[in-house]
């Protein structure tokens, strides 16, 4: 499975418009080579450099149709969402503390062998615990952002 972004290179700087300092909209991701038996996709966006001493989650999106070849704000808004670290569903863009070194933002796409039904939007840990054993493919993409 492969994922790429035309807005910034893998390992490159995320443009301001996709952050809390800009329009805070999700960059478009292009997906290819999804495993044949994929039933749904899920996207997790994390900042492992968060100043809270842990990982800051920016997005938990799941039950994305398996035939999706582009992920953008519209797709994320139309699929099921978990709770990010701000306590909201949906996408929240990079927003590291001012003066901090650039943080890494890891976009991880999972190909899953099933759909998921939660009684309430899960947080990242609940979601990751639930999909354990259901991932049949994974793609990662990383961007940097500092303020």
Protein backbone atom coordinates (compact mmCIF):
# COMPACT_ATOMS: atom_id res chain seq x y z
CA UNK A 1 0.00 0.00 0.00
CA UNK A 2 1.24 3.48 -0.78
CA UNK A 3 0.27 6.97 0.32
CA UNK A 4 1.65 10.30 -0.89
CA UNK A 5 0.88 13.99 -0.69
CA UNK A 6 1.43 16.56 -3.44
CA UNK A 7 1.37 19.44 -0.92
CA UNK A 8 4.67 18.43 0.74
CA UNK A 9 7.34 15.75 0.36
CA UNK A 10 7.58 12.83 2.75
CA UNK A 11 9.79 14.20 5.53
CA UNK A 12 9.31 17.78 4.30
CA UNK A 13 7.73 20.87 5.83
CA UNK A 14 3.93 21.00 5.96
CA UNK A 15 2.69 24.25 4.37
CA UNK A 16 1.17 26.75 6.79
CA UNK A 17 -2.32 26.53 5.26
CA UNK A 18 -2.71 22.97 6.61
CA UNK A 19 -1.94 24.03 10.19
CA UNK A 20 -3.54 26.01 13.01
CA UNK A 21 -1.68 29.07 11.68
CA UNK A 22 -3.47 28.81 8.33
CA UNK A 23 -6.78 27.35 7.16
CA UNK A 24 -6.34 24.25 9.37
CA UNK A 25 -7.58 22.04 6.53
CA UNK A 26 -6.31 18.55 5.93
CA UNK A 27 -3.82 18.09 3.08
CA UNK A 28 -4.98 15.76 0.31
CA UNK A 29 -3.42 12.31 0.42
CA UNK A 30 -3.34 9.98 -2.58
CA UNK A 31 -3.69 6.25 -1.94
CA UNK A 32 -2.64 3.39 -4.20
CA UNK A 33 -1.96 -0.34 -4.11
CA UNK A 34 -4.55 -1.08 -1.40
CA UNK A 35 -4.54 -4.82 -0.57
CA UNK A 36 -7.20 -6.75 -2.46
CA UNK A 37 -9.12 -8.02 0.60
CA UNK A 38 -9.42 -4.57 2.23
CA UNK A 39 -12.91 -3.86 3.59
CA UNK A 40 -12.21 -0.40 5.01
CA UNK A 41 -9.42 2.11 5.58
CA UNK A 42 -8.49 4.11 8.65
CA UNK A 43 -6.27 7.18 9.03
CA UNK A 44 -4.48 8.16 12.22
CA UNK A 45 -2.47 11.40 12.41
CA UNK A 46 -0.17 11.76 15.40
CA UNK A 47 2.49 14.15 16.72
CA UNK A 48 5.00 11.97 18.63
CA UNK A 49 6.97 15.10 19.64
CA UNK A 50 4.15 16.63 21.67
CA UNK A 51 5.25 18.72 24.62
CA UNK A 52 2.81 16.89 26.92
CA UNK A 53 5.33 14.04 27.11
CA UNK A 54 3.21 11.74 25.00
CA UNK A 55 1.68 11.56 21.57
CA UNK A 56 -0.82 14.21 20.46
CA UNK A 57 -3.48 12.84 18.14
CA UNK A 58 -4.77 15.06 15.33
CA UNK A 59 -7.20 12.67 13.62
CA UNK A 60 -8.81 9.25 13.98
CA UNK A 61 -10.87 8.51 10.86
CA UNK A 62 -12.23 5.06 10.07
CA UNK A 63 -14.74 3.10 7.98
CA UNK A 64 -13.32 4.89 4.95
CA UNK A 65 -14.44 2.96 1.83
CA UNK A 66 -11.77 0.54 0.61
CA UNK A 67 -11.90 1.93 -2.94
CA UNK A 68 -10.98 5.46 -1.79
CA UNK A 69 -7.99 6.75 -3.74
CA UNK A 70 -7.87 10.28 -2.24
CA UNK A 71 -8.24 11.40 1.34
CA UNK A 72 -9.14 15.05 1.89
CA UNK A 73 -11.21 17.16 4.26
CA UNK A 74 -14.46 16.09 2.56
CA UNK A 75 -13.74 12.38 2.89
CA UNK A 76 -12.66 12.76 6.52
CA UNK A 77 -15.84 14.74 7.31
CA UNK A 78 -18.03 12.05 5.73
CA UNK A 79 -16.55 8.99 7.45
CA UNK A 80 -16.63 7.84 11.05
CA UNK A 81 -14.32 9.77 13.38
CA UNK A 82 -12.80 9.09 16.72
CA UNK A 83 -11.85 11.67 19.32
CA UNK A 84 -8.57 13.51 18.84
CA UNK A 85 -6.42 14.94 21.64
CA UNK A 86 -8.44 18.19 21.68
CA UNK A 87 -11.53 16.13 22.52
CA UNK A 88 -13.07 16.75 19.08
CA UNK A 89 -13.84 14.50 16.14
CA UNK A 90 -12.37 15.19 12.72
CA UNK A 91 -9.06 16.77 11.76
CA UNK A 92 -7.05 19.26 13.78
CA UNK A 93 -3.92 20.54 12.07
CA UNK A 94 -0.36 20.79 13.34
CA UNK A 95 -0.03 23.39 16.10
CA UNK A 96 3.19 22.95 18.08
CA UNK A 97 4.15 25.47 20.76
CA UNK A 98 5.75 28.65 19.45
CA UNK A 99 9.52 28.53 19.58
CA UNK A 100 9.66 24.73 19.78
CA UNK A 101 11.65 22.81 17.22
CA UNK A 102 9.65 21.42 14.31
CA UNK A 103 7.45 18.51 15.30
CA UNK A 104 6.90 15.36 13.25
CA UNK A 105 3.37 14.63 12.07
CA UNK A 106 2.87 10.98 11.17
CA UNK A 107 0.00 10.12 8.81
CA UNK A 108 -0.67 6.36 9.10
CA UNK A 109 -3.15 4.66 6.81
CA UNK A 110 -4.41 1.19 7.68
CA UNK A 111 -6.06 -1.30 5.34
CA UNK A 112 -8.51 -3.26 7.49
CA UNK A 113 -10.37 -6.52 6.96
CA UNK A 114 -13.65 -5.25 8.46
CA UNK A 115 -15.75 -2.18 9.30
CA UNK A 116 -16.06 -1.03 12.91
CA UNK A 117 -19.06 0.03 14.98
CA UNK A 118 -18.47 1.93 18.21
CA UNK A 119 -21.24 3.06 20.58
CA UNK A 120 -19.33 6.35 21.05
CA UNK A 121 -16.41 7.86 19.14
CA UNK A 122 -13.25 6.06 20.30
CA UNK A 123 -10.02 7.75 21.29
CA UNK A 124 -6.82 6.65 19.57
CA UNK A 125 -5.94 3.97 22.13
CA UNK A 126 -9.44 2.44 22.04
CA UNK A 127 -9.38 2.44 18.26
CA UNK A 128 -5.90 0.93 18.00
CA UNK A 129 -6.79 -1.76 20.55
CA UNK A 130 -9.91 -2.62 18.52
CA UNK A 131 -8.18 -2.90 15.14
CA UNK A 132 -5.42 -5.15 16.49
CA UNK A 133 -5.35 -8.25 14.32
CA UNK A 134 -7.44 -6.61 11.58
CA UNK A 135 -4.74 -4.67 9.72
CA UNK A 136 -3.76 -6.21 6.37
CA UNK A 137 -1.67 -3.27 5.16
CA UNK A 138 -0.18 0.00 6.30
CA UNK A 139 1.35 3.12 4.75
CA UNK A 140 3.07 6.00 6.55
CA UNK A 141 3.83 9.57 5.50
CA UNK A 142 5.56 12.19 7.63
CA UNK A 143 5.60 15.96 7.58
CA UNK A 144 7.29 18.57 9.77
CA UNK A 145 5.94 21.80 11.17
CA UNK A 146 7.37 24.36 13.57
CA UNK A 147 6.24 27.82 14.67
